[in-house]
Amino acid sequence: MPTTAQGSAKIRRSFFDRSVHEVAPELIGATLMVDGIGGVIVEVEAYHHTDPAAHSYNGQTERNGVMFGPPGMAYVYRSYGIHWCLNFVCEAAGSASAVLIRAIEPTEGLAKMRRRRAVPDVRALCSGPGKLCQALGVSIKHNGLALDRPPFELRARTGKPEIVVGPRIGITKAVDEPWRYGLKGSRFLSKGFKS
């Protein structure tokens, strides 16, 4: 089970001013908190601006505008008109790349997460991007907020976890790109990885 020490370093916005393909795997094992509720990131997906599956691929819109701004900001959108999804904007301003946070291992604020999600099983609280946002109370009000200021808190991982890689989930374009990263052996993934 992944752990992060209370004293681990805070992740600053400068961490995200790099390629999304460098940032995404380095988020595995980091701690994500929203208003003091959260846990350890165990699954993410990378979306590069040259990627036809990325929201930014066809240019800037009102919906994806945050992706074209500075790195280290939250990009929140509604998926299929139902679920909120949380992304971390990466690379230089204007490049419009982001990491989708797919799953965390819940460690803080479990009672509140259970009330928000109405499920008792800890494994079902944050095992998917929509579930995660519901459990953490993330919505459009978080769109465009800096990731290194409240209500967000990100702490760097303290070790080097074993990471598995595979294709992304729930997309119809660039489906074979191996841009999904997960913590090997985690019970909290949204979906397992093929061996």
N, C-alpha and C. Protein backbone atom coordinates (compact mmCIF):
# COMPACT_ATOMS: atom_id res chain seq x y z
N MET A 1 0.85 -1.19 0.00
CA MET A 1 0.00 0.00 0.00
C MET A 1 0.88 1.24 0.00
N PRO A 2 0.61 2.20 -0.89
CA PRO A 2 1.48 3.38 -0.95
C PRO A 2 1.28 4.28 0.26
N THR A 3 2.35 4.88 0.66
CA THR A 3 2.25 5.84 1.75
C THR A 3 3.06 7.08 1.40
N THR A 4 2.66 8.19 1.97
CA THR A 4 3.46 9.40 1.84
C THR A 4 3.62 9.98 3.23
N ALA A 5 4.81 10.42 3.51
CA ALA A 5 5.08 11.00 4.82
C ALA A 5 4.44 12.38 4.92
N GLN A 6 4.01 12.72 6.12
CA GLN A 6 3.40 14.04 6.34
C GLN A 6 4.37 15.14 5.94
N GLY A 7 5.66 14.87 6.08
CA GLY A 7 6.65 15.90 5.78
C GLY A 7 7.09 15.96 4.34
N SER A 8 6.48 15.15 3.46
CA SER A 8 6.93 15.15 2.07
C SER A 8 6.70 16.52 1.44
N ALA A 9 7.51 16.83 0.46
CA ALA A 9 7.54 18.16 -0.13
C ALA A 9 6.26 18.47 -0.89
N LYS A 10 5.83 19.72 -0.80
CA LYS A 10 4.69 20.18 -1.58
C LYS A 10 5.08 20.29 -3.04
N ILE A 11 4.17 19.92 -3.91
CA ILE A 11 4.39 20.06 -5.34
C ILE A 11 3.97 21.47 -5.75
N ARG A 12 4.89 22.17 -6.38
CA ARG A 12 4.64 23.55 -6.83
C ARG A 12 4.22 23.54 -8.30
N ARG A 13 3.71 24.67 -8.74
CA ARG A 13 3.24 24.76 -10.13
C ARG A 13 4.37 24.51 -11.13
N SER A 14 5.61 24.84 -10.76
CA SER A 14 6.74 24.63 -11.66
C SER A 14 6.93 23.15 -12.02
N PHE A 15 6.48 22.25 -11.16
CA PHE A 15 6.54 20.80 -11.42
C PHE A 15 5.84 20.45 -12.72
N PHE A 16 4.77 21.20 -13.04
CA PHE A 16 3.94 20.89 -14.21
C PHE A 16 4.44 21.56 -15.49
N ASP A 17 5.49 22.37 -15.39
CA ASP A 17 6.00 23.08 -16.56
C ASP A 17 7.01 22.19 -17.32
N ARG A 18 6.54 21.01 -17.66
CA ARG A 18 7.33 20.00 -18.38
C ARG A 18 6.38 19.21 -19.26
N SER A 19 6.94 18.31 -20.04
CA SER A 19 6.12 17.45 -20.87
C SER A 19 5.12 16.66 -20.03
N VAL A 20 3.91 16.56 -20.52
CA VAL A 20 2.87 15.78 -19.85
C VAL A 20 3.32 14.33 -19.67
N HIS A 21 4.18 13.85 -20.56
CA HIS A 21 4.66 12.47 -20.47
C HIS A 21 5.72 12.29 -19.38
N GLU A 22 6.32 13.36 -18.92
CA GLU A 22 7.20 13.30 -17.76
C GLU A 22 6.39 13.44 -16.47
N VAL A 23 5.43 14.35 -16.49
CA VAL A 23 4.65 14.65 -15.29
C VAL A 23 3.76 13.48 -14.90
N ALA A 24 3.04 12.90 -15.86
CA ALA A 24 2.02 11.89 -15.56
C ALA A 24 2.56 10.74 -14.71
N PRO A 25 3.64 10.05 -15.13
CA PRO A 25 4.10 8.93 -14.29
C PRO A 25 4.64 9.38 -12.93
N GLU A 26 5.15 10.61 -12.85
CA GLU A 26 5.68 11.10 -11.57
C GLU A 26 4.58 11.45 -10.58
N LEU A 27 3.34 11.53 -11.04
CA LEU A 27 2.22 11.78 -10.12
C LEU A 27 1.79 10.51 -9.39
N ILE A 28 2.15 9.35 -9.92
CA ILE A 28 1.79 8.10 -9.24
C ILE A 28 2.55 8.04 -7.91
N GLY A 29 1.80 7.91 -6.82
CA GLY A 29 2.38 7.90 -5.48
C GLY A 29 2.35 9.24 -4.78
N ALA A 30 2.04 10.31 -5.53
CA ALA A 30 1.89 11.63 -4.90
C ALA A 30 0.55 11.69 -4.17
N THR A 31 0.41 12.62 -3.26
CA THR A 31 -0.82 12.77 -2.49
C THR A 31 -1.61 13.98 -2.98
N LEU A 32 -2.88 13.76 -3.25
CA LEU A 32 -3.80 14.82 -3.67
C LEU A 32 -4.83 15.05 -2.57
N MET A 33 -4.93 16.30 -2.13
CA MET A 33 -5.92 16.68 -1.13
C MET A 33 -6.74 17.86 -1.66
N VAL A 34 -8.04 17.83 -1.39
CA VAL A 34 -8.93 18.93 -1.71
C VAL A 34 -9.69 19.26 -0.43
N ASP A 35 -9.44 20.44 0.11
CA ASP A 35 -10.03 20.81 1.41
C ASP A 35 -9.77 19.75 2.47
N GLY A 36 -8.56 19.20 2.48
CA GLY A 36 -8.16 18.23 3.50
C GLY A 36 -8.66 16.82 3.29
N ILE A 37 -9.30 16.56 2.17
CA ILE A 37 -9.83 15.23 1.88
C ILE A 37 -9.12 14.69 0.64
N GLY A 38 -8.66 13.44 0.70
CA GLY A 38 -8.01 12.89 -0.48
C GLY A 38 -7.23 11.63 -0.18
N GLY A 39 -6.14 11.46 -0.94
CA GLY A 39 -5.34 10.26 -0.80
C GLY A 39 -4.22 10.21 -1.82
N VAL A 40 -3.72 9.01 -2.05
CA VAL A 40 -2.56 8.78 -2.89
C VAL A 40 -3.00 8.51 -4.33
N ILE A 41 -2.43 9.24 -5.26
CA ILE A 41 -2.76 9.05 -6.68
C ILE A 41 -2.22 7.70 -7.14
N VAL A 42 -3.12 6.87 -7.70
CA VAL A 42 -2.72 5.54 -8.15
C VAL A 42 -2.93 5.32 -9.64
N GLU A 43 -3.61 6.26 -10.32
CA GLU A 43 -3.86 6.08 -11.76
C GLU A 43 -4.10 7.42 -12.43
N VAL A 44 -3.43 7.63 -13.56
CA VAL A 44 -3.58 8.86 -14.34
C VAL A 44 -3.52 8.53 -15.83
N GLU A 45 -3.92 9.50 -16.64
CA GLU A 45 -3.77 9.40 -18.09
C GLU A 45 -3.21 10.72 -18.62
N ALA A 46 -2.32 10.62 -19.60
CA ALA A 46 -1.72 11.81 -20.22
C ALA A 46 -2.46 12.15 -21.51
N TYR A 47 -2.68 13.45 -21.72
CA TYR A 47 -3.29 13.97 -22.95
C TYR A 47 -2.43 15.10 -23.49
N HIS A 48 -1.76 14.83 -24.60
CA HIS A 48 -0.84 15.79 -25.22
C HIS A 48 -1.60 16.62 -26.25
N HIS A 49 -1.18 17.85 -26.48
CA HIS A 49 -1.92 18.73 -27.39
C HIS A 49 -1.92 18.25 -28.84
N THR A 50 -0.99 17.36 -29.20
CA THR A 50 -0.98 16.80 -30.56
C THR A 50 -1.82 15.52 -30.66
N ASP A 51 -2.46 15.17 -29.57
CA ASP A 51 -3.21 13.92 -29.43
C ASP A 51 -4.68 14.14 -29.81
N PRO A 52 -5.21 13.42 -30.81
CA PRO A 52 -6.60 13.64 -31.21
C PRO A 52 -7.63 13.34 -30.11
N ALA A 53 -7.22 12.65 -29.05
CA ALA A 53 -8.14 12.39 -27.93
C ALA A 53 -8.16 13.54 -26.92
N ALA A 54 -7.23 14.48 -27.04
CA ALA A 54 -7.16 15.61 -26.11
C ALA A 54 -8.23 16.64 -26.43
N HIS A 55 -8.80 17.24 -25.41
CA HIS A 55 -9.81 18.29 -25.60
C HIS A 55 -9.26 19.48 -26.36
N SER A 56 -7.96 19.68 -26.30
CA SER A 56 -7.33 20.85 -26.92
C SER A 56 -6.95 20.63 -28.38
N TYR A 57 -7.12 19.44 -28.89
CA TYR A 57 -6.62 19.09 -30.22
C TYR A 57 -7.14 20.00 -31.32
N ASN A 58 -8.42 20.38 -31.25
CA ASN A 58 -9.02 21.22 -32.29
C ASN A 58 -9.00 22.71 -31.96
N GLY A 59 -8.21 23.10 -30.98
CA GLY A 59 -8.09 24.51 -30.64
C GLY A 59 -8.84 24.90 -29.38
N GLN A 60 -8.67 26.15 -29.02
CA GLN A 60 -9.22 26.67 -27.77
C GLN A 60 -10.72 26.95 -27.89
N THR A 61 -11.44 26.57 -26.84
CA THR A 61 -12.87 26.84 -26.73
C THR A 61 -13.14 27.37 -25.33
N GLU A 62 -14.37 27.76 -25.09
CA GLU A 62 -14.73 28.21 -23.74
C GLU A 62 -14.53 27.09 -22.73
N ARG A 63 -14.86 25.86 -23.14
CA ARG A 63 -14.76 24.72 -22.23
C ARG A 63 -13.32 24.41 -21.86
N ASN A 64 -12.41 24.39 -22.84
CA ASN A 64 -11.05 23.92 -22.58
C ASN A 64 -10.04 25.05 -22.37
N GLY A 65 -10.49 26.26 -22.24
CA GLY A 65 -9.61 27.43 -22.15
C GLY A 65 -8.50 27.32 -21.11
N VAL A 66 -8.79 26.69 -19.98
CA VAL A 66 -7.78 26.57 -18.92
C VAL A 66 -6.57 25.78 -19.41
N MET A 67 -6.78 24.83 -20.32
CA MET A 67 -5.67 24.03 -20.83
C MET A 67 -4.65 24.89 -21.58
N PHE A 68 -5.07 26.03 -22.10
CA PHE A 68 -4.20 26.90 -22.87
C PHE A 68 -3.50 27.94 -21.99
N GLY A 69 -3.78 27.91 -20.71
CA GLY A 69 -3.17 28.85 -19.78
C GLY A 69 -1.90 28.28 -19.17
N PRO A 70 -1.48 28.83 -18.04
CA PRO A 70 -0.23 28.39 -17.42
C PRO A 70 -0.34 26.98 -16.85
N PRO A 71 0.80 26.28 -16.75
CA PRO A 71 0.80 24.96 -16.15
C PRO A 71 0.55 25.04 -14.64
N GLY A 72 0.14 23.91 -14.08
CA GLY A 72 -0.11 23.85 -12.63
C GLY A 72 -1.48 24.35 -12.23
N MET A 73 -2.41 24.33 -13.16
CA MET A 73 -3.78 24.73 -12.87
C MET A 73 -4.71 23.52 -13.03
N ALA A 74 -5.85 23.58 -12.36
CA ALA A 74 -6.85 22.52 -12.48
C ALA A 74 -7.76 22.78 -13.67
N TYR A 75 -7.93 21.78 -14.49
CA TYR A 75 -8.89 21.83 -15.60
C TYR A 75 -9.98 20.81 -15.27
N VAL A 76 -11.19 21.33 -15.01
CA VAL A 76 -12.32 20.48 -14.63
C VAL A 76 -13.39 20.58 -15.70
N TYR A 77 -13.86 19.45 -16.16
CA TYR A 77 -14.93 19.43 -17.16
C TYR A 77 -15.93 18.34 -16.81
N ARG A 78 -17.12 18.44 -17.41
CA ARG A 78 -18.15 17.42 -17.19
C ARG A 78 -18.08 16.41 -18.32
N SER A 79 -18.03 15.14 -17.96
CA SER A 79 -17.94 14.06 -18.94
C SER A 79 -19.33 13.48 -19.19
N TYR A 80 -19.70 13.41 -20.46
CA TYR A 80 -21.00 12.87 -20.87
C TYR A 80 -22.16 13.55 -20.15
N GLY A 81 -21.96 14.79 -19.72
CA GLY A 81 -23.02 15.53 -19.05
C GLY A 81 -23.36 15.02 -17.66
N ILE A 82 -22.52 14.14 -17.12
CA ILE A 82 -22.84 13.49 -15.84
C ILE A 82 -21.78 13.74 -14.77
N HIS A 83 -20.54 13.35 -15.07
CA HIS A 83 -19.47 13.33 -14.06
C HIS A 83 -18.46 14.45 -14.29
N TRP A 84 -17.97 15.03 -13.19
CA TRP A 84 -16.86 15.96 -13.27
C TRP A 84 -15.57 15.16 -13.37
N CYS A 85 -14.59 15.70 -14.09
CA CYS A 85 -13.28 15.08 -14.21
C CYS A 85 -12.22 16.13 -13.91
N LEU A 86 -11.19 15.73 -13.18
CA LEU A 86 -10.12 16.64 -12.75
C LEU A 86 -8.84 16.34 -13.53
N ASN A 87 -8.28 17.39 -14.11
CA ASN A 87 -7.04 17.30 -14.87
C ASN A 87 -6.05 18.34 -14.35
N PHE A 88 -4.78 18.04 -14.50
CA PHE A 88 -3.71 18.97 -14.14
C PHE A 88 -3.05 19.46 -15.42
N VAL A 89 -3.07 20.76 -15.66
CA VAL A 89 -2.50 21.35 -16.88
C VAL A 89 -0.98 21.30 -16.82
N CYS A 90 -0.36 20.87 -17.93
CA CYS A 90 1.10 20.71 -18.01
C CYS A 90 1.68 21.51 -19.17
N GLU A 91 3.00 21.57 -19.19
CA GLU A 91 3.80 22.18 -20.24
C GLU A 91 3.64 23.70 -20.25
N ALA A 92 4.31 24.35 -21.16
CA ALA A 92 4.30 25.81 -21.22
C ALA A 92 2.92 26.33 -21.58
N ALA A 93 2.61 27.53 -21.15
CA ALA A 93 1.32 28.15 -21.47
C ALA A 93 1.09 28.11 -22.97
N GLY A 94 -0.11 27.70 -23.35
CA GLY A 94 -0.47 27.63 -24.75
C GLY A 94 -0.33 26.24 -25.36
N SER A 95 0.41 25.35 -24.69
CA SER A 95 0.62 24.02 -25.26
C SER A 95 -0.60 23.12 -25.05
N ALA A 96 -1.38 23.38 -24.01
CA ALA A 96 -2.68 22.73 -23.81
C ALA A 96 -2.60 21.22 -23.67
N SER A 97 -1.74 20.74 -22.78
CA SER A 97 -1.64 19.33 -22.42
C SER A 97 -2.06 19.18 -20.97
N ALA A 98 -2.57 18.00 -20.61
CA ALA A 98 -3.04 17.82 -19.24
C ALA A 98 -3.01 16.34 -18.84
N VAL A 99 -2.97 16.13 -17.53
CA VAL A 99 -3.04 14.79 -16.94
C VAL A 99 -4.41 14.62 -16.29
N LEU A 100 -5.14 13.60 -16.71
CA LEU A 100 -6.42 13.25 -16.08
C LEU A 100 -6.13 12.40 -14.85
N ILE A 101 -6.68 12.79 -13.71
CA ILE A 101 -6.53 12.00 -12.49
C ILE A 101 -7.65 10.96 -12.47
N ARG A 102 -7.30 9.70 -12.65
CA ARG A 102 -8.30 8.64 -12.79
C ARG A 102 -8.67 7.98 -11.47
N ALA A 103 -7.72 7.84 -10.54
CA ALA A 103 -8.04 7.13 -9.29
C ALA A 103 -7.03 7.50 -8.20
N ILE A 104 -7.53 7.49 -6.98
CA ILE A 104 -6.66 7.64 -5.81
C ILE A 104 -7.01 6.55 -4.80
N GLU A 105 -6.05 6.27 -3.95
CA GLU A 105 -6.31 5.43 -2.78
C GLU A 105 -6.73 6.37 -1.66
N PRO A 106 -7.99 6.33 -1.23
CA PRO A 106 -8.45 7.27 -0.21
C PRO A 106 -7.76 7.04 1.13
N THR A 107 -7.26 8.12 1.73
CA THR A 107 -6.61 8.00 3.03
C THR A 107 -7.12 9.01 4.06
N GLU A 108 -7.62 10.14 3.62
CA GLU A 108 -8.07 11.20 4.53
C GLU A 108 -9.51 11.60 4.21
N GLY A 109 -10.34 11.70 5.25
CA GLY A 109 -11.72 12.15 5.06
C GLY A 109 -12.65 11.06 4.54
N LEU A 110 -12.39 9.82 4.94
CA LEU A 110 -13.19 8.70 4.42
C LEU A 110 -14.67 8.83 4.74
N ALA A 111 -15.01 9.31 5.93
CA ALA A 111 -16.42 9.43 6.30
C ALA A 111 -17.14 10.41 5.37
N LYS A 112 -16.50 11.51 5.07
CA LYS A 112 -17.11 12.50 4.18
C LYS A 112 -17.23 11.95 2.76
N MET A 113 -16.20 11.24 2.31
CA MET A 113 -16.25 10.62 0.99
C MET A 113 -17.41 9.63 0.90
N ARG A 114 -17.59 8.83 1.94
CA ARG A 114 -18.67 7.84 1.93
C ARG A 114 -20.04 8.52 1.88
N ARG A 115 -20.18 9.63 2.58
CA ARG A 115 -21.45 10.37 2.53
C ARG A 115 -21.70 10.93 1.14
N ARG A 116 -20.67 11.48 0.54
CA ARG A 116 -20.82 12.07 -0.80
C ARG A 116 -21.10 11.01 -1.86
N ARG A 117 -20.50 9.84 -1.72
CA ARG A 117 -20.63 8.80 -2.72
C ARG A 117 -21.74 7.79 -2.39
N ALA A 118 -22.16 7.74 -1.13
CA ALA A 118 -23.20 6.79 -0.68
C ALA A 118 -22.78 5.34 -0.97
N VAL A 119 -21.50 5.04 -0.78
CA VAL A 119 -21.02 3.67 -0.89
C VAL A 119 -20.11 3.37 0.30
N PRO A 120 -20.25 2.18 0.89
CA PRO A 120 -19.42 1.85 2.07
C PRO A 120 -18.02 1.34 1.71
N ASP A 121 -17.88 0.70 0.54
CA ASP A 121 -16.62 0.05 0.17
C ASP A 121 -15.56 1.10 -0.17
N VAL A 122 -14.48 1.13 0.58
CA VAL A 122 -13.43 2.12 0.37
C VAL A 122 -12.84 2.02 -1.03
N ARG A 123 -12.84 0.82 -1.61
CA ARG A 123 -12.28 0.64 -2.95
C ARG A 123 -13.14 1.30 -4.03
N ALA A 124 -14.41 1.54 -3.72
CA ALA A 124 -15.33 2.14 -4.71
C ALA A 124 -15.43 3.65 -4.58
N LEU A 125 -14.74 4.24 -3.62
CA LEU A 125 -14.89 5.68 -3.38
C LEU A 125 -14.26 6.53 -4.48
N CYS A 126 -13.07 6.18 -4.92
CA CYS A 126 -12.31 7.04 -5.84
C CYS A 126 -11.70 6.27 -7.00
N SER A 127 -12.32 5.15 -7.40
CA SER A 127 -11.77 4.28 -8.44
C SER A 127 -12.33 4.63 -9.82
N GLY A 128 -12.13 5.86 -10.21
CA GLY A 128 -12.58 6.38 -11.49
C GLY A 128 -12.64 7.88 -11.41
N PRO A 129 -12.47 8.59 -12.53
CA PRO A 129 -12.40 10.05 -12.46
C PRO A 129 -13.67 10.72 -11.95
N GLY A 130 -14.84 10.21 -12.32
CA GLY A 130 -16.10 10.78 -11.82
C GLY A 130 -16.30 10.50 -10.36
N LYS A 131 -16.01 9.27 -9.95
CA LYS A 131 -16.14 8.88 -8.53
C LYS A 131 -15.21 9.73 -7.66
N LEU A 132 -13.98 9.89 -8.14
CA LEU A 132 -12.98 10.67 -7.42
C LEU A 132 -13.46 12.10 -7.18
N CYS A 133 -13.98 12.73 -8.23
CA CYS A 133 -14.45 14.12 -8.09
C CYS A 133 -15.64 14.21 -7.15
N GLN A 134 -16.54 13.26 -7.23
CA GLN A 134 -17.68 13.27 -6.31
C GLN A 134 -17.21 13.11 -4.87
N ALA A 135 -16.30 12.17 -4.64
CA ALA A 135 -15.80 11.92 -3.28
C ALA A 135 -15.04 13.11 -2.71
N LEU A 136 -14.29 13.81 -3.56
CA LEU A 136 -13.49 14.95 -3.11
C LEU A 136 -14.24 16.28 -3.18
N GLY A 137 -15.46 16.24 -3.72
CA GLY A 137 -16.24 17.47 -3.83
C GLY A 137 -15.75 18.40 -4.93
N VAL A 138 -15.09 17.85 -5.95
CA VAL A 138 -14.57 18.66 -7.05
C VAL A 138 -15.67 18.91 -8.07
N SER A 139 -15.79 20.16 -8.51
CA SER A 139 -16.79 20.54 -9.51
C SER A 139 -16.22 21.68 -10.36
N ILE A 140 -17.07 22.26 -11.17
CA ILE A 140 -16.64 23.34 -12.06
C ILE A 140 -16.09 24.53 -11.27
N LYS A 141 -16.45 24.67 -10.02
CA LYS A 141 -15.93 25.78 -9.21
C LYS A 141 -14.41 25.68 -9.01
N HIS A 142 -13.85 24.48 -9.23
CA HIS A 142 -12.41 24.29 -9.09
C HIS A 142 -11.66 24.53 -10.40
N ASN A 143 -12.39 24.70 -11.49
CA ASN A 143 -11.76 24.89 -12.79
C ASN A 143 -10.94 26.19 -12.80
N GLY A 144 -9.68 26.09 -13.21
CA GLY A 144 -8.82 27.27 -13.29
C GLY A 144 -8.11 27.62 -12.01
N LEU A 145 -8.29 26.85 -10.94
CA LEU A 145 -7.60 27.14 -9.68
C LEU A 145 -6.18 26.58 -9.70
N ALA A 146 -5.28 27.27 -9.00
CA ALA A 146 -3.89 26.82 -8.90
C ALA A 146 -3.81 25.57 -8.05
N LEU A 147 -3.00 24.61 -8.47
CA LEU A 147 -2.88 23.34 -7.76
C LEU A 147 -2.00 23.42 -6.53
N ASP A 148 -1.26 24.52 -6.35
CA ASP A 148 -0.40 24.65 -5.17
C ASP A 148 -0.95 25.63 -4.15
N ARG A 149 -2.27 25.88 -4.24
CA ARG A 149 -2.93 26.75 -3.27
C ARG A 149 -4.23 26.10 -2.83
N PRO A 150 -4.69 26.42 -1.60
CA PRO A 150 -5.98 25.88 -1.16
C PRO A 150 -7.09 26.25 -2.15
N PRO A 151 -8.05 25.35 -2.37
CA PRO A 151 -8.32 24.14 -1.59
C PRO A 151 -7.46 22.94 -1.95
N PHE A 152 -6.59 23.08 -2.98
CA PHE A 152 -5.75 21.95 -3.37
C PHE A 152 -4.49 21.89 -2.53
N GLU A 153 -4.02 20.67 -2.32
CA GLU A 153 -2.70 20.44 -1.75
C GLU A 153 -2.15 19.18 -2.42
N LEU A 154 -0.97 19.30 -2.98
CA LEU A 154 -0.30 18.17 -3.61
C LEU A 154 1.03 17.96 -2.92
N ARG A 155 1.30 16.71 -2.54
CA ARG A 155 2.58 16.38 -1.92
C ARG A 155 3.30 15.33 -2.74
N ALA A 156 4.59 15.54 -2.93
CA ALA A 156 5.40 14.63 -3.74
C ALA A 156 5.47 13.25 -3.09
N ARG A 157 5.61 12.25 -3.93
CA ARG A 157 5.80 10.89 -3.41
C ARG A 157 7.15 10.83 -2.72
N THR A 158 7.27 9.91 -1.78
CA THR A 158 8.51 9.82 -1.00
C THR A 158 9.42 8.70 -1.49
N GLY A 159 8.89 7.79 -2.29
CA GLY A 159 9.70 6.72 -2.85
C GLY A 159 9.46 6.65 -4.34
N LYS A 160 9.98 5.59 -4.97
CA LYS A 160 9.76 5.40 -6.40
C LYS A 160 8.89 4.16 -6.56
N PRO A 161 7.59 4.35 -6.78
CA PRO A 161 6.69 3.20 -6.89
C PRO A 161 6.88 2.44 -8.20
N GLU A 162 6.44 1.19 -8.20
CA GLU A 162 6.46 0.40 -9.43
C GLU A 162 5.23 0.78 -10.24
N ILE A 163 5.45 1.23 -11.47
CA ILE A 163 4.37 1.77 -12.30
C ILE A 163 4.10 0.83 -13.47
N VAL A 164 2.81 0.63 -13.75
CA VAL A 164 2.41 -0.13 -14.93
C VAL A 164 1.86 0.85 -15.96
N VAL A 165 1.99 0.49 -17.23
CA VAL A 165 1.62 1.38 -18.33
C VAL A 165 0.72 0.63 -19.29
N GLY A 166 -0.27 1.35 -19.85
CA GLY A 166 -1.15 0.73 -20.82
C GLY A 166 -1.95 1.78 -21.58
N PRO A 167 -2.84 1.34 -22.48
CA PRO A 167 -3.66 2.28 -23.23
C PRO A 167 -4.71 2.94 -22.34
N ARG A 168 -5.13 4.11 -22.75
CA ARG A 168 -6.14 4.86 -22.00
C ARG A 168 -7.52 4.22 -22.15
N ILE A 169 -8.44 4.66 -21.30
CA ILE A 169 -9.77 4.05 -21.21
C ILE A 169 -10.84 5.03 -21.68
N GLY A 170 -11.88 4.51 -22.33
CA GLY A 170 -13.06 5.30 -22.64
C GLY A 170 -12.89 6.36 -23.71
N ILE A 171 -11.93 6.16 -24.60
CA ILE A 171 -11.74 7.11 -25.70
C ILE A 171 -11.90 6.37 -27.03
N THR A 172 -12.13 7.12 -28.09
CA THR A 172 -12.30 6.50 -29.40
C THR A 172 -11.20 6.87 -30.38
N LYS A 173 -10.31 7.81 -29.99
CA LYS A 173 -9.20 8.23 -30.85
C LYS A 173 -7.89 7.95 -30.12
N ALA A 174 -6.87 7.62 -30.90
CA ALA A 174 -5.54 7.34 -30.33
C ALA A 174 -5.64 6.30 -29.21
N VAL A 175 -6.45 5.27 -29.44
CA VAL A 175 -6.76 4.29 -28.39
C VAL A 175 -5.57 3.41 -28.01
N ASP A 176 -4.57 3.31 -28.87
CA ASP A 176 -3.45 2.41 -28.59
C ASP A 176 -2.27 3.09 -27.90
N GLU A 177 -2.34 4.41 -27.75
CA GLU A 177 -1.23 5.10 -27.10
C GLU A 177 -1.08 4.61 -25.65
N PRO A 178 0.12 4.24 -25.22
CA PRO A 178 0.33 3.74 -23.86
C PRO A 178 0.51 4.88 -22.86
N TRP A 179 -0.53 5.69 -22.72
CA TRP A 179 -0.42 6.90 -21.91
C TRP A 179 -1.26 6.84 -20.63
N ARG A 180 -1.57 5.65 -20.19
CA ARG A 180 -2.23 5.45 -18.89
C ARG A 180 -1.21 4.83 -17.96
N TYR A 181 -1.11 5.41 -16.76
CA TYR A 181 -0.11 4.98 -15.78
C TYR A 181 -0.81 4.60 -14.48
N GLY A 182 -0.36 3.50 -13.88
CA GLY A 182 -0.98 3.07 -12.63
C GLY A 182 0.03 2.50 -11.66
N LEU A 183 -0.36 2.46 -10.40
CA LEU A 183 0.47 1.88 -9.36
C LEU A 183 0.30 0.36 -9.41
N LYS A 184 1.37 -0.35 -9.66
CA LYS A 184 1.30 -1.80 -9.79
C LYS A 184 0.72 -2.43 -8.53
N GLY A 185 -0.28 -3.30 -8.73
CA GLY A 185 -0.87 -4.05 -7.63
C GLY A 185 -1.89 -3.29 -6.81
N SER A 186 -2.19 -2.04 -7.15
CA SER A 186 -3.15 -1.27 -6.35
C SER A 186 -4.56 -1.84 -6.48
N ARG A 187 -5.27 -1.90 -5.36
CA ARG A 187 -6.67 -2.33 -5.35
C ARG A 187 -7.61 -1.19 -5.70
N PHE A 188 -7.07 0.00 -5.91
CA PHE A 188 -7.90 1.19 -6.05
C PHE A 188 -7.95 1.73 -7.49
N LEU A 189 -7.41 0.98 -8.44
CA LEU A 189 -7.46 1.39 -9.85
C LEU A 189 -8.89 1.38 -10.37
N SER A 190 -9.16 2.19 -11.39
CA SER A 190 -10.48 2.17 -12.01
C SER A 190 -10.67 0.91 -12.82
N LYS A 191 -9.58 0.38 -13.35
CA LYS A 191 -9.60 -0.85 -14.15
C LYS A 191 -8.19 -1.40 -14.15
N GLY A 192 -8.09 -2.73 -14.13
CA GLY A 192 -6.78 -3.34 -14.12
C GLY A 192 -6.01 -3.14 -15.42
N PHE A 193 -4.73 -3.39 -15.36
CA PHE A 193 -3.85 -3.33 -16.54
C PHE A 193 -3.60 -4.75 -17.03
N LYS A 194 -3.53 -4.91 -18.33
CA LYS A 194 -3.20 -6.22 -18.88
C LYS A 194 -1.73 -6.50 -18.66
N SER A 195 -1.42 -7.77 -18.29
CA SER A 195 -0.01 -8.08 -18.05
C SER A 195 0.70 -8.39 -19.34
